[in-house]
Amino acid sequence: MGKALAILGGLIAMVGGVVLAVFVWRQEFIELIFGCIPPILFFGGLIALIAGISSIKDAKRTKKLEEETEEEEVKVEEPAVEEETEEEKVKVEEQAAEEETEEEEEEKTE
């Protein structure tokens, strides 16, 4: 029931507004409409300007992030090569330690 009353009240308000605007305050309504046009144009242009500036900033930020991502990818690839070299060093060190251990064991057995 409450929803129906809200709809009915809205329709009555709309009809009352149209009647007052057309028959009672016709000249004032026309002046109001003409008076709203310049602010609407001004604020619409302001919004368009802000949107354009924001778009340019976003494009620059995106380009910068892409460049940083490319640099990070290059940096990630370089340590991978170094890691292989480090792994080889570890293997060589382990082999040297094993040889030293074998030599020490041979010396103990002699």
Protein backbone atom coordinates (compact mmCIF):
# COMPACT_ATOMS: atom_id res chain seq x y z
CA MET A 1 0.00 0.00 0.00
CA GLY A 2 2.86 2.40 0.85
CA LYS A 3 4.44 1.95 -2.58
CA ALA A 4 1.19 2.77 -4.33
CA LEU A 5 0.82 5.96 -2.25
CA ALA A 6 4.36 6.98 -3.14
CA ILE A 7 3.65 6.52 -6.85
CA LEU A 8 0.34 8.39 -6.59
CA GLY A 9 1.97 11.24 -4.66
CA GLY A 10 4.74 11.45 -7.26
CA LEU A 11 2.25 11.66 -10.12
CA ILE A 12 0.26 14.41 -8.34
CA ALA A 13 3.44 16.40 -7.72
CA MET A 14 4.45 16.09 -11.38
CA VAL A 15 1.06 17.25 -12.64
CA GLY A 16 1.05 20.14 -10.18
CA GLY A 17 4.53 21.20 -11.29
CA VAL A 18 3.61 21.18 -14.98
CA VAL A 19 0.40 23.16 -14.32
CA LEU A 20 2.24 25.79 -12.30
CA ALA A 21 5.11 26.04 -14.81
CA VAL A 22 2.87 26.34 -17.87
CA PHE A 23 -0.11 28.40 -16.63
CA VAL A 24 0.90 30.33 -13.52
CA TRP A 25 4.67 30.98 -13.66
CA ARG A 26 5.24 30.68 -17.39
CA GLN A 27 7.56 33.71 -17.76
CA GLU A 28 9.51 32.90 -14.59
CA PHE A 29 9.92 29.29 -15.73
CA ILE A 30 11.29 30.40 -19.11
CA GLU A 31 13.72 32.81 -17.40
CA LEU A 32 14.85 30.02 -15.09
CA ILE A 33 15.52 27.70 -18.03
CA PHE A 34 17.47 30.38 -19.90
CA GLY A 35 19.32 31.26 -16.71
CA CYS A 36 20.43 27.64 -16.26
CA ILE A 37 21.99 27.30 -19.71
CA PRO A 38 25.23 29.28 -19.06
CA PRO A 39 26.10 27.47 -15.80
CA ILE A 40 25.34 24.11 -17.42
CA LEU A 41 27.67 24.94 -20.32
CA PHE A 42 30.38 26.20 -17.94
CA PHE A 43 30.30 23.19 -15.63
CA GLY A 44 29.97 20.76 -18.55
CA GLY A 45 33.09 22.28 -20.11
CA LEU A 46 34.89 22.13 -16.76
CA ILE A 47 34.06 18.45 -16.41
CA ALA A 48 35.29 17.78 -19.96
CA LEU A 49 38.54 19.65 -19.22
CA ILE A 50 39.15 17.67 -16.04
CA ALA A 51 38.39 14.41 -17.85
CA GLY A 52 40.88 15.27 -20.61
CA ILE A 53 43.64 16.15 -18.14
CA SER A 54 42.97 12.97 -16.17
CA SER A 55 43.13 10.92 -19.36
CA ILE A 56 46.52 12.42 -20.27
CA LYS A 57 47.87 11.72 -16.76
CA ASP A 58 46.61 8.14 -16.91
CA ALA A 59 48.29 7.61 -20.29
CA LYS A 60 51.61 8.91 -18.92
CA ARG A 61 51.29 6.75 -15.78
CA THR A 62 50.50 3.68 -17.87
CA LYS A 63 53.50 4.30 -20.12
CA LYS A 64 55.76 4.75 -17.09
CA LEU A 65 54.48 1.52 -15.50
CA GLU A 66 55.05 -0.38 -18.74
CA GLU A 67 58.64 0.91 -18.92
CA GLU A 68 59.25 -0.07 -15.28
CA THR A 69 57.81 -3.53 -15.96
CA GLU A 70 60.12 -3.97 -18.94
CA GLU A 71 63.12 -2.89 -16.83
CA GLU A 72 62.13 -5.34 -14.08
CA GLU A 73 61.82 -8.14 -16.62
CA VAL A 74 65.34 -7.40 -17.85
CA LYS A 75 66.62 -7.33 -14.25
CA VAL A 76 64.85 -10.62 -13.51
CA GLU A 77 66.47 -12.28 -16.52
CA GLU A 78 70.00 -11.15 -15.58
CA PRO A 79 70.01 -12.67 -12.05
CA ALA A 80 68.77 -15.94 -13.52
CA VAL A 81 72.06 -16.16 -15.42
CA GLU A 82 73.97 -15.22 -12.26
CA GLU A 83 72.07 -17.85 -10.26
CA GLU A 84 73.23 -20.51 -12.66
CA THR A 85 76.78 -19.29 -12.23
CA GLU A 86 76.35 -19.34 -8.44
CA GLU A 87 74.96 -22.86 -8.62
CA GLU A 88 77.98 -23.92 -10.62
CA LYS A 89 80.23 -22.28 -8.02
CA VAL A 90 78.46 -24.17 -5.26
CA LYS A 91 78.91 -27.44 -7.15
CA VAL A 92 82.60 -26.72 -7.67
CA GLU A 93 83.00 -25.86 -3.97
CA GLU A 94 81.19 -29.07 -2.97
CA GLN A 95 83.44 -31.10 -5.24
CA ALA A 96 86.51 -29.39 -3.79
CA ALA A 97 85.28 -30.08 -0.25
CA GLU A 98 84.67 -33.73 -1.13
CA GLU A 99 88.17 -34.02 -2.60
CA GLU A 100 89.65 -32.46 0.54
CA THR A 101 87.67 -34.86 2.70
CA GLU A 102 88.85 -37.81 0.61
CA GLU A 103 92.47 -36.60 0.86
CA GLU A 104 92.15 -36.23 4.63
CA GLU A 105 90.70 -39.73 4.91
CA GLU A 106 93.54 -41.10 2.78
CA GLU A 107 96.10 -39.34 4.99
CA LYS A 108 94.46 -40.80 8.11
CA THR A 109 94.48 -44.29 6.67
CA GLU A 110 98.20 -44.03 5.76
